[in-house]
Amino acid sequence: MIWTMSVLAGALAAILVTGPDLLGPGSLAVSLETRPVPRSCAVVSTATIVAYDATAPHTVAYRFVHSDGTVSPSGRLTFAGEGALAQSVRDEWTPHGASPWVVLEITAPERLRSHRAAAAPRCPRRIVAATR
């Protein structure tokens, strides 16, 4: 029951972020947020991927793209084909440069990018410089 509520909450959050215009049956939506890691220069990005009206099982391939040109390893999620389902994925990295951001990019079965989420760490400038 708790798992079902979290899936429904994730699906609702993605609908609110992406708006009411869906791409059609089997389409995907993404929401993304970032937060600083306590006592660190790193940032954690959490994305929720929602598969709407998924009537057949399928696999979604994704990766996180960072403003400094780095890309996370590709990941895969399997959706079981049980209607609208939401799953969350995470990425942790240390931002560099002015105005850092992160994007979740879905590479299959369709190409989709989330909005750019600002990824400013709460880190003294001297520590950020030392991590380069």
Protein backbone atom coordinates (compact mmCIF):
# COMPACT_ATOMS: atom_id res chain seq x y z
CA MET A 1 0.00 0.00 0.00
CA ILE A 2 2.80 2.46 0.85
CA TRP A 3 4.61 1.59 -2.40
CA THR A 4 1.42 2.21 -4.40
CA MET A 5 0.99 5.63 -2.76
CA SER A 6 4.58 6.61 -3.55
CA VAL A 7 4.13 5.55 -7.19
CA LEU A 8 0.94 7.59 -7.45
CA ALA A 9 2.62 10.56 -5.77
CA GLY A 10 5.52 10.35 -8.24
CA ALA A 11 3.14 10.17 -11.18
CA LEU A 12 1.18 13.17 -9.88
CA ALA A 13 4.38 15.17 -9.35
CA ALA A 14 5.49 14.47 -12.92
CA ILE A 15 2.10 15.50 -14.27
CA LEU A 16 2.29 18.77 -12.33
CA VAL A 17 5.81 19.47 -13.60
CA THR A 18 5.23 18.49 -17.23
CA GLY A 19 1.69 19.83 -17.53
CA PRO A 20 -1.46 18.18 -18.81
CA ASP A 21 -0.26 17.69 -22.41
CA LEU A 22 0.96 14.11 -22.62
CA LEU A 23 2.66 12.59 -25.64
CA GLY A 24 0.10 9.77 -25.97
CA PRO A 25 -0.20 6.14 -24.82
CA GLY A 26 3.08 4.67 -23.68
CA SER A 27 4.72 8.10 -23.42
CA LEU A 28 7.14 9.20 -20.72
CA ALA A 29 7.48 12.23 -18.47
CA VAL A 30 10.36 13.34 -16.25
CA SER A 31 10.68 15.57 -13.20
CA LEU A 32 14.07 16.52 -11.71
CA GLU A 33 15.26 18.18 -8.52
CA THR A 34 18.68 18.78 -6.96
CA ARG A 35 19.91 19.30 -3.42
CA PRO A 36 23.32 19.75 -1.81
CA VAL A 37 24.89 16.79 -0.01
CA PRO A 38 25.41 17.75 3.66
CA ARG A 39 29.05 18.47 4.63
CA SER A 40 30.18 18.07 1.02
CA CYS A 41 30.64 19.98 -2.23
CA ALA A 42 28.55 17.39 -4.07
CA VAL A 43 24.97 17.68 -5.29
CA VAL A 44 22.40 14.86 -5.51
CA SER A 45 19.96 14.92 -8.40
CA THR A 46 16.78 12.87 -8.13
CA ALA A 47 14.65 12.28 -11.20
CA THR A 48 11.25 10.64 -11.40
CA ILE A 49 10.44 8.92 -14.67
CA VAL A 50 6.77 8.20 -15.33
CA ALA A 51 5.51 5.81 -18.00
CA TYR A 52 1.88 6.65 -18.84
CA ASP A 53 -0.54 3.95 -19.96
CA ALA A 54 2.25 1.41 -20.33
CA THR A 55 0.31 -1.66 -21.43
CA ALA A 56 3.36 -3.76 -22.31
CA PRO A 57 6.63 -4.19 -20.43
CA HIS A 58 9.48 -2.03 -21.70
CA THR A 59 12.91 -0.76 -20.67
CA VAL A 60 13.89 2.89 -20.37
CA ALA A 61 17.55 3.89 -20.80
CA TYR A 62 18.67 7.16 -19.17
CA ARG A 63 21.70 9.20 -18.12
CA PHE A 64 22.42 12.45 -16.30
CA VAL A 65 24.13 15.22 -18.31
CA HIS A 66 26.08 17.87 -16.37
CA SER A 67 26.92 21.44 -17.36
CA ASP A 68 30.66 20.74 -17.07
CA GLY A 69 30.45 18.24 -19.95
CA THR A 70 30.46 15.08 -17.83
CA VAL A 71 27.81 12.41 -18.25
CA SER A 72 26.81 9.70 -15.76
CA PRO A 73 26.96 6.05 -16.77
CA SER A 74 23.78 4.95 -18.57
CA GLY A 75 21.16 3.28 -16.45
CA ARG A 76 18.11 1.18 -17.25
CA LEU A 77 14.67 0.86 -15.68
CA THR A 78 12.09 -1.78 -16.52
CA PHE A 79 8.42 -0.86 -16.45
CA ALA A 80 6.17 -3.88 -16.04
CA GLY A 81 3.26 -2.73 -18.23
CA GLU A 82 0.77 -2.24 -15.41
CA GLY A 83 -0.57 1.21 -16.32
CA ALA A 84 0.99 4.52 -15.23
CA LEU A 85 4.10 3.80 -13.18
CA ALA A 86 6.78 6.04 -11.67
CA GLN A 87 10.35 5.16 -10.72
CA SER A 88 13.06 7.39 -9.28
CA VAL A 89 16.77 7.46 -10.11
CA ARG A 90 19.66 9.37 -8.51
CA ASP A 91 22.98 10.88 -9.46
CA GLU A 92 25.67 12.50 -7.32
CA TRP A 93 28.39 14.79 -8.69
CA THR A 94 30.45 17.84 -7.77
CA PRO A 95 29.48 20.86 -9.88
CA HIS A 96 32.17 23.09 -11.42
CA GLY A 97 32.02 26.41 -13.19
CA ALA A 98 29.58 29.27 -13.13
CA SER A 99 25.85 28.47 -12.98
CA PRO A 100 26.11 24.65 -12.97
CA TRP A 101 23.09 22.58 -13.99
CA VAL A 102 22.03 18.97 -14.58
CA VAL A 103 19.57 17.36 -17.01
CA LEU A 104 18.14 13.84 -17.10
CA GLU A 105 18.21 12.50 -20.65
CA ILE A 106 16.15 9.48 -21.64
CA THR A 107 17.82 7.79 -24.62
CA ALA A 108 15.38 4.91 -25.27
CA PRO A 109 12.70 3.93 -26.14
CA GLU A 110 12.16 7.60 -27.07
CA ARG A 111 14.42 10.63 -26.62
CA LEU A 112 13.36 13.04 -23.89
CA ARG A 113 15.18 15.61 -21.73
CA SER A 114 14.09 17.09 -18.43
CA HIS A 115 14.33 20.78 -17.68
CA ARG A 116 17.72 22.10 -16.55
CA ALA A 117 17.94 22.01 -12.78
CA ALA A 118 20.35 24.42 -11.10
CA ALA A 119 23.02 22.51 -9.16
CA ALA A 120 24.71 25.08 -6.94
CA PRO A 121 26.55 23.41 -4.06
CA ARG A 122 26.84 25.04 -0.66
CA CYS A 123 30.58 24.90 -0.65
CA PRO A 124 33.24 27.50 0.14
CA ARG A 125 34.97 28.69 -3.02
CA ARG A 126 38.36 27.41 -1.80
CA ILE A 127 37.02 23.86 -1.42
CA VAL A 128 35.47 23.90 -4.91
CA ALA A 129 38.81 25.04 -6.35
CA ALA A 130 40.62 22.20 -4.53
CA THR A 131 38.31 19.54 -6.07
CA ARG A 132 39.25 20.42 -9.65
